[in-house]
């Protein structure tokens, strides 16, 4: 069976903000109507506070996963989907792409460990997940559909952090998923000597 790994990125651009406030569009079809959890960014990502000199793979302040353009182009050549262009608030294209994933996983198994749950949305109970400091998140999935196992980058159904759906929409904020990568992408990042990334095996039952 194909192996997958939880991708953890330690490089964070804390001042970079790219959720709805600066004009990023979202698909709300499968999102919770109460809190917005499950909203999927579509089209370009518009962000403030990005440092053009960033290299490799890093996360923005709200969990958006960004990769330098040079590496993104190599992923595209490998057939990886789920990448989007990134622009600053002036509409200028930035030398990065956002990794959004190719498909969403079903809820993880009750055998999963290494997380805690805060005050969740009472409607969807899909947000409000949090990491436990110094404890690895060990994801377990059961009986995944074959088409999911063909993907390169998957995102979790569960979202980490809290979501809020507001009017005007630009004041909304959405909890972010975790990213799961296939073994060949893990090997790619290691060959490219991408720093500040960690890989935790995901158990598939």
C-alpha atoms as a PDB file:
ATOM      1  CA  UNK A   1       0.000   0.000   0.000  1.00  0.00           C
ATOM      2  CA  UNK A   2       1.139   3.541  -0.785  1.00  0.00           C
ATOM      3  CA  UNK A   3       2.659   5.299   2.237  1.00  0.00           C
ATOM      4  CA  UNK A   4       1.591   8.736   3.461  1.00  0.00           C
ATOM      5  CA  UNK A   5       3.083  11.172   5.965  1.00  0.00           C
ATOM      6  CA  UNK A   6       1.819  14.046   8.063  1.00  0.00           C
ATOM      7  CA  UNK A   7       3.738  17.131   6.931  1.00  0.00           C
ATOM      8  CA  UNK A   8       4.750  19.541   9.678  1.00  0.00           C
ATOM      9  CA  UNK A   9       6.353  22.846   8.688  1.00  0.00           C
ATOM     10  CA  UNK A  10       8.351  24.672  11.351  1.00  0.00           C
ATOM     11  CA  UNK A  11       9.056  27.788   9.270  1.00  0.00           C
ATOM     12  CA  UNK A  12       6.329  30.358   9.962  1.00  0.00           C
ATOM     13  CA  UNK A  13       5.895  33.836   8.483  1.00  0.00           C
ATOM     14  CA  UNK A  14       3.786  35.034  11.397  1.00  0.00           C
ATOM     15  CA  UNK A  15       3.054  38.506   9.941  1.00  0.00           C
ATOM     16  CA  UNK A  16       1.696  37.127   6.660  1.00  0.00           C
ATOM     17  CA  UNK A  17      -2.097  37.270   6.564  1.00  0.00           C
ATOM     18  CA  UNK A  18      -4.035  35.742   3.718  1.00  0.00           C
ATOM     19  CA  UNK A  19      -7.550  34.776   4.697  1.00  0.00           C
ATOM     20  CA  UNK A  20     -10.720  36.475   3.442  1.00  0.00           C
ATOM     21  CA  UNK A  21      -9.787  40.007   4.529  1.00  0.00           C
ATOM     22  CA  UNK A  22      -7.642  40.818   1.492  1.00  0.00           C
ATOM     23  CA  UNK A  23      -9.995  39.421  -1.125  1.00  0.00           C
ATOM     24  CA  UNK A  24      -9.265  35.698  -1.382  1.00  0.00           C
ATOM     25  CA  UNK A  25     -12.385  33.962  -2.708  1.00  0.00           C
ATOM     26  CA  UNK A  26     -13.816  30.858  -1.030  1.00  0.00           C
ATOM     27  CA  UNK A  27     -15.993  27.939  -2.063  1.00  0.00           C
ATOM     28  CA  UNK A  28     -18.580  27.585   0.710  1.00  0.00           C
ATOM     29  CA  UNK A  29     -20.504  24.646  -0.765  1.00  0.00           C
ATOM     30  CA  UNK A  30     -19.289  22.107   1.794  1.00  0.00           C
ATOM     31  CA  UNK A  31     -18.634  24.582   4.593  1.00  0.00           C
ATOM     32  CA  UNK A  32     -20.517  24.694   7.868  1.00  0.00           C
ATOM     33  CA  UNK A  33     -23.271  27.337   7.521  1.00  0.00           C
ATOM     34  CA  UNK A  34     -22.739  28.399  11.136  1.00  0.00           C
ATOM     35  CA  UNK A  35     -18.954  28.770  11.506  1.00  0.00           C
ATOM     36  CA  UNK A  36     -17.635  28.344   7.950  1.00  0.00           C
ATOM     37  CA  UNK A  37     -15.358  25.391   8.730  1.00  0.00           C
ATOM     38  CA  UNK A  38     -14.635  23.518   5.524  1.00  0.00           C
ATOM     39  CA  UNK A  39     -14.450  26.661   3.392  1.00  0.00           C
ATOM     40  CA  UNK A  40     -11.997  26.071   0.550  1.00  0.00           C
ATOM     41  CA  UNK A  41      -9.989  28.922  -0.960  1.00  0.00           C
ATOM     42  CA  UNK A  42     -10.391  29.171  -4.724  1.00  0.00           C
ATOM     43  CA  UNK A  43      -8.507  31.241  -7.240  1.00  0.00           C
ATOM     44  CA  UNK A  44      -5.442  33.245  -6.202  1.00  0.00           C
ATOM     45  CA  UNK A  45      -4.464  33.820  -2.586  1.00  0.00           C
ATOM     46  CA  UNK A  46      -4.146  37.509  -1.655  1.00  0.00           C
ATOM     47  CA  UNK A  47      -1.821  38.185   1.263  1.00  0.00           C
ATOM     48  CA  UNK A  48      -0.193  40.956   3.253  1.00  0.00           C
ATOM     49  CA  UNK A  49       3.125  40.868   5.071  1.00  0.00           C
ATOM     50  CA  UNK A  50       4.926  38.360   2.844  1.00  0.00           C
ATOM     51  CA  UNK A  51       8.710  38.406   2.759  1.00  0.00           C
ATOM     52  CA  UNK A  52       9.826  37.925  -0.861  1.00  0.00           C
ATOM     53  CA  UNK A  53      13.114  36.404   0.296  1.00  0.00           C
ATOM     54  CA  UNK A  54      11.468  33.372   1.888  1.00  0.00           C
ATOM     55  CA  UNK A  55      12.755  30.066   0.527  1.00  0.00           C
ATOM     56  CA  UNK A  56      11.574  26.489   0.588  1.00  0.00           C
ATOM     57  CA  UNK A  57       8.328  25.663   2.350  1.00  0.00           C
ATOM     58  CA  UNK A  58       6.702  27.787   5.040  1.00  0.00           C
ATOM     59  CA  UNK A  59       3.386  28.612   6.655  1.00  0.00           C
ATOM     60  CA  UNK A  60       1.708  31.990   6.909  1.00  0.00           C
ATOM     61  CA  UNK A  61       0.184  33.323  10.103  1.00  0.00           C
ATOM     62  CA  UNK A  62      -3.152  31.539   9.674  1.00  0.00           C
ATOM     63  CA  UNK A  63      -1.729  28.241   8.494  1.00  0.00           C
ATOM     64  CA  UNK A  64      -1.642  28.755   4.732  1.00  0.00           C
ATOM     65  CA  UNK A  65       1.053  26.495   3.278  1.00  0.00           C
ATOM     66  CA  UNK A  66       3.350  28.304   0.827  1.00  0.00           C
ATOM     67  CA  UNK A  67       6.178  27.052  -1.348  1.00  0.00           C
ATOM     68  CA  UNK A  68       8.748  29.018  -3.332  1.00  0.00           C
ATOM     69  CA  UNK A  69       7.923  29.216  -7.028  1.00  0.00           C
ATOM     70  CA  UNK A  70      10.987  27.280  -8.182  1.00  0.00           C
ATOM     71  CA  UNK A  71       9.965  24.242  -6.142  1.00  0.00           C
ATOM     72  CA  UNK A  72       6.297  24.679  -7.034  1.00  0.00           C
ATOM     73  CA  UNK A  73       7.140  24.459 -10.730  1.00  0.00           C
ATOM     74  CA  UNK A  74       8.870  21.134 -10.108  1.00  0.00           C
ATOM     75  CA  UNK A  75       5.784  19.849  -8.314  1.00  0.00           C
ATOM     76  CA  UNK A  76       3.604  20.882 -11.238  1.00  0.00           C
ATOM     77  CA  UNK A  77       5.889  18.989 -13.602  1.00  0.00           C
ATOM     78  CA  UNK A  78       5.394  15.928 -11.393  1.00  0.00           C
ATOM     79  CA  UNK A  79       1.648  16.229 -11.915  1.00  0.00           C
ATOM     80  CA  UNK A  80       0.839  17.564  -8.458  1.00  0.00           C
ATOM     81  CA  UNK A  81      -2.451  19.458  -8.367  1.00  0.00           C
ATOM     82  CA  UNK A  82      -4.002  21.759  -5.787  1.00  0.00           C
ATOM     83  CA  UNK A  83      -1.530  24.658  -6.099  1.00  0.00           C
ATOM     84  CA  UNK A  84      -2.559  28.295  -6.467  1.00  0.00           C
ATOM     85  CA  UNK A  85      -0.859  31.586  -7.295  1.00  0.00           C
ATOM     86  CA  UNK A  86      -0.160  34.120  -4.544  1.00  0.00           C
ATOM     87  CA  UNK A  87      -0.505  37.913  -4.843  1.00  0.00           C
ATOM     88  CA  UNK A  88       0.142  40.761  -2.448  1.00  0.00           C
ATOM     89  CA  UNK A  89      -2.535  43.291  -1.522  1.00  0.00           C
ATOM     90  CA  UNK A  90      -1.466  45.508  -4.453  1.00  0.00           C
ATOM     91  CA  UNK A  91      -2.224  42.734  -6.910  1.00  0.00           C
ATOM     92  CA  UNK A  92       1.428  41.957  -7.626  1.00  0.00           C
ATOM     93  CA  UNK A  93       2.295  38.308  -8.177  1.00  0.00           C
ATOM     94  CA  UNK A  94       4.573  36.919  -5.477  1.00  0.00           C
ATOM     95  CA  UNK A  95       7.347  34.320  -6.017  1.00  0.00           C
ATOM     96  CA  UNK A  96       5.374  31.635  -4.167  1.00  0.00           C
ATOM     97  CA  UNK A  97       2.481  29.276  -4.677  1.00  0.00           C
ATOM     98  CA  UNK A  98       0.016  28.010  -2.112  1.00  0.00           C
ATOM     99  CA  UNK A  99      -0.409  24.284  -1.536  1.00  0.00           C
ATOM    100  CA  UNK A 100      -4.084  23.516  -0.959  1.00  0.00           C
ATOM    101  CA  UNK A 101      -4.229  19.774  -1.410  1.00  0.00           C
ATOM    102  CA  UNK A 102      -5.916  17.615  -4.002  1.00  0.00           C
ATOM    103  CA  UNK A 103      -8.697  16.083  -1.893  1.00  0.00           C
ATOM    104  CA  UNK A 104     -10.120  16.022   1.634  1.00  0.00           C
ATOM    105  CA  UNK A 105      -9.838  12.904   3.761  1.00  0.00           C
ATOM    106  CA  UNK A 106     -12.770  11.492   5.751  1.00  0.00           C
ATOM    107  CA  UNK A 107     -12.695  11.899   9.554  1.00  0.00           C
ATOM    108  CA  UNK A 108      -9.711  10.179  11.107  1.00  0.00           C
ATOM    109  CA  UNK A 109     -10.054   7.003  13.172  1.00  0.00           C
ATOM    110  CA  UNK A 110     -10.718   7.005  16.906  1.00  0.00           C
ATOM    111  CA  UNK A 111      -7.294   5.357  17.145  1.00  0.00           C
ATOM    112  CA  UNK A 112      -5.664   8.707  16.276  1.00  0.00           C
ATOM    113  CA  UNK A 113      -3.674  10.237  19.135  1.00  0.00           C
ATOM    114  CA  UNK A 114      -1.742  13.428  19.871  1.00  0.00           C
ATOM    115  CA  UNK A 115      -4.463  16.078  19.697  1.00  0.00           C
ATOM    116  CA  UNK A 116      -6.901  17.817  21.987  1.00  0.00           C
ATOM    117  CA  UNK A 117     -10.287  19.402  21.380  1.00  0.00           C
ATOM    118  CA  UNK A 118     -11.302  22.874  22.483  1.00  0.00           C
ATOM    119  CA  UNK A 119     -14.663  24.622  22.257  1.00  0.00           C
ATOM    120  CA  UNK A 120     -15.977  23.391  18.921  1.00  0.00           C
ATOM    121  CA  UNK A 121     -18.746  24.721  16.729  1.00  0.00           C
ATOM    122  CA  UNK A 122     -21.886  22.998  18.043  1.00  0.00           C
ATOM    123  CA  UNK A 123     -23.223  22.587  14.521  1.00  0.00           C
ATOM    124  CA  UNK A 124     -20.354  20.811  12.729  1.00  0.00           C
ATOM    125  CA  UNK A 125     -17.874  19.893  15.491  1.00  0.00           C
ATOM    126  CA  UNK A 126     -15.246  20.049  12.785  1.00  0.00           C
ATOM    127  CA  UNK A 127     -13.079  22.892  14.104  1.00  0.00           C
ATOM    128  CA  UNK A 128     -11.519  23.293  17.533  1.00  0.00           C
ATOM    129  CA  UNK A 129      -8.776  20.693  17.147  1.00  0.00           C
ATOM    130  CA  UNK A 130      -5.353  21.559  18.554  1.00  0.00           C
ATOM    131  CA  UNK A 131      -1.880  20.068  18.704  1.00  0.00           C
ATOM    132  CA  UNK A 132      -0.449  19.027  22.058  1.00  0.00           C
ATOM    133  CA  UNK A 133       3.000  20.596  22.604  1.00  0.00           C
ATOM    134  CA  UNK A 134       5.843  18.072  22.266  1.00  0.00           C
ATOM    135  CA  UNK A 135       3.397  15.240  21.469  1.00  0.00           C
ATOM    136  CA  UNK A 136       3.322  13.959  17.872  1.00  0.00           C
ATOM    137  CA  UNK A 137      -0.008  13.795  16.071  1.00  0.00           C
ATOM    138  CA  UNK A 138      -0.319  10.158  15.008  1.00  0.00           C
ATOM    139  CA  UNK A 139      -3.042   9.936  12.386  1.00  0.00           C
ATOM    140  CA  UNK A 140      -4.897   6.696  11.735  1.00  0.00           C
ATOM    141  CA  UNK A 141      -7.352   6.076   8.873  1.00  0.00           C
ATOM    142  CA  UNK A 142      -9.503   3.068   8.128  1.00  0.00           C
ATOM    143  CA  UNK A 143     -10.719   1.763   4.776  1.00  0.00           C
ATOM    144  CA  UNK A 144      -9.830   4.776   2.645  1.00  0.00           C
ATOM    145  CA  UNK A 145     -11.275   4.872  -0.860  1.00  0.00           C
ATOM    146  CA  UNK A 146      -8.844   3.828  -3.580  1.00  0.00           C
ATOM    147  CA  UNK A 147      -9.116   7.174  -5.383  1.00  0.00           C
ATOM    148  CA  UNK A 148      -7.771   8.995  -2.304  1.00  0.00           C
ATOM    149  CA  UNK A 149      -4.733   6.747  -2.216  1.00  0.00           C
ATOM    150  CA  UNK A 150      -3.862   7.904  -5.738  1.00  0.00           C
ATOM    151  CA  UNK A 151      -3.428  11.527  -4.613  1.00  0.00           C
ATOM    152  CA  UNK A 152      -0.171  13.320  -3.812  1.00  0.00           C
ATOM    153  CA  UNK A 153      -1.386  15.815  -1.202  1.00  0.00           C
ATOM    154  CA  UNK A 154      -4.429  15.339   1.024  1.00  0.00           C
ATOM    155  CA  UNK A 155      -5.934  17.522   3.738  1.00  0.00           C
ATOM    156  CA  UNK A 156      -7.654  16.433   6.924  1.00  0.00           C
ATOM    157  CA  UNK A 157     -11.396  16.699   7.448  1.00  0.00           C
ATOM    158  CA  UNK A 158     -10.680  18.025  10.927  1.00  0.00           C
ATOM    159  CA  UNK A 159      -9.592  21.662  11.150  1.00  0.00           C
ATOM    160  CA  UNK A 160      -7.106  22.979  13.680  1.00  0.00           C
ATOM    161  CA  UNK A 161      -7.950  26.250  15.395  1.00  0.00           C
ATOM    162  CA  UNK A 162     -11.283  28.061  15.477  1.00  0.00           C
ATOM    163  CA  UNK A 163     -13.472  29.259  12.631  1.00  0.00           C
ATOM    164  CA  UNK A 164     -15.719  32.299  12.515  1.00  0.00           C
ATOM    165  CA  UNK A 165     -18.161  33.179   9.742  1.00  0.00           C
ATOM    166  CA  UNK A 166     -18.891  36.910   9.798  1.00  0.00           C
ATOM    167  CA  UNK A 167     -20.560  39.668   7.839  1.00  0.00           C
ATOM    168  CA  UNK A 168     -18.965  41.369   6.074  1.00  0.00           C
ATOM    169  CA  UNK A 169     -17.343  38.168   4.797  1.00  0.00           C
ATOM    170  CA  UNK A 170     -13.833  39.640   4.861  1.00  0.00           C
ATOM    171  CA  UNK A 171     -13.949  39.526   8.661  1.00  0.00           C
ATOM    172  CA  UNK A 172     -14.329  35.727   8.606  1.00  0.00           C
ATOM    173  CA  UNK A 173     -11.518  33.366   9.514  1.00  0.00           C
ATOM    174  CA  UNK A 174     -11.305  29.628   9.050  1.00  0.00           C
ATOM    175  CA  UNK A 175      -9.515  26.877  10.949  1.00  0.00           C
ATOM    176  CA  UNK A 176      -6.913  25.136   8.792  1.00  0.00           C
ATOM    177  CA  UNK A 177      -6.399  21.446   7.975  1.00  0.00           C
ATOM    178  CA  UNK A 178      -3.304  19.339   8.366  1.00  0.00           C
ATOM    179  CA  UNK A 179      -1.480  18.249   5.207  1.00  0.00           C
ATOM    180  CA  UNK A 180      -0.760  14.636   4.327  1.00  0.00           C
ATOM    181  CA  UNK A 181       1.761  13.878   1.569  1.00  0.00           C
ATOM    182  CA  UNK A 182       2.542  10.715  -0.361  1.00  0.00           C
ATOM    183  CA  UNK A 183       5.950   9.121   0.056  1.00  0.00           C
ATOM    184  CA  UNK A 184       7.237  10.349  -3.303  1.00  0.00           C
ATOM    185  CA  UNK A 185       6.585  13.953  -2.215  1.00  0.00           C
ATOM    186  CA  UNK A 186       8.352  13.311   1.076  1.00  0.00           C
ATOM    187  CA  UNK A 187      11.287  12.023  -0.973  1.00  0.00           C
ATOM    188  CA  UNK A 188      11.070  15.111  -3.210  1.00  0.00           C
ATOM    189  CA  UNK A 189      11.326  17.544  -0.291  1.00  0.00           C
ATOM    190  CA  UNK A 190      14.233  15.580   1.144  1.00  0.00           C
ATOM    191  CA  UNK A 191      16.083  15.512  -2.192  1.00  0.00           C
ATOM    192  CA  UNK A 192      15.577  19.260  -2.532  1.00  0.00           C
ATOM    193  CA  UNK A 193      16.981  19.685   0.994  1.00  0.00           C
ATOM    194  CA  UNK A 194      13.951  21.685   2.124  1.00  0.00           C
ATOM    195  CA  UNK A 195      14.605  22.776   5.696  1.00  0.00           C
ATOM    196  CA  UNK A 196      12.270  23.023   8.660  1.00  0.00           C
ATOM    197  CA  UNK A 197       9.959  20.184   7.648  1.00  0.00           C
ATOM    198  CA  UNK A 198       9.114  17.002   9.512  1.00  0.00           C
ATOM    199  CA  UNK A 199       7.280  13.857   8.435  1.00  0.00           C
ATOM    200  CA  UNK A 200       5.247  11.600  10.714  1.00  0.00           C
ATOM    201  CA  UNK A 201       3.998   8.298   9.244  1.00  0.00           C
ATOM    202  CA  UNK A 202       0.229   8.013   8.825  1.00  0.00           C
ATOM    203  CA  UNK A 203      -1.296   4.628   9.629  1.00  0.00           C
ATOM    204  CA  UNK A 204      -3.685   3.231   7.017  1.00  0.00           C
ATOM    205  CA  UNK A 205      -5.785   0.280   8.215  1.00  0.00           C
END
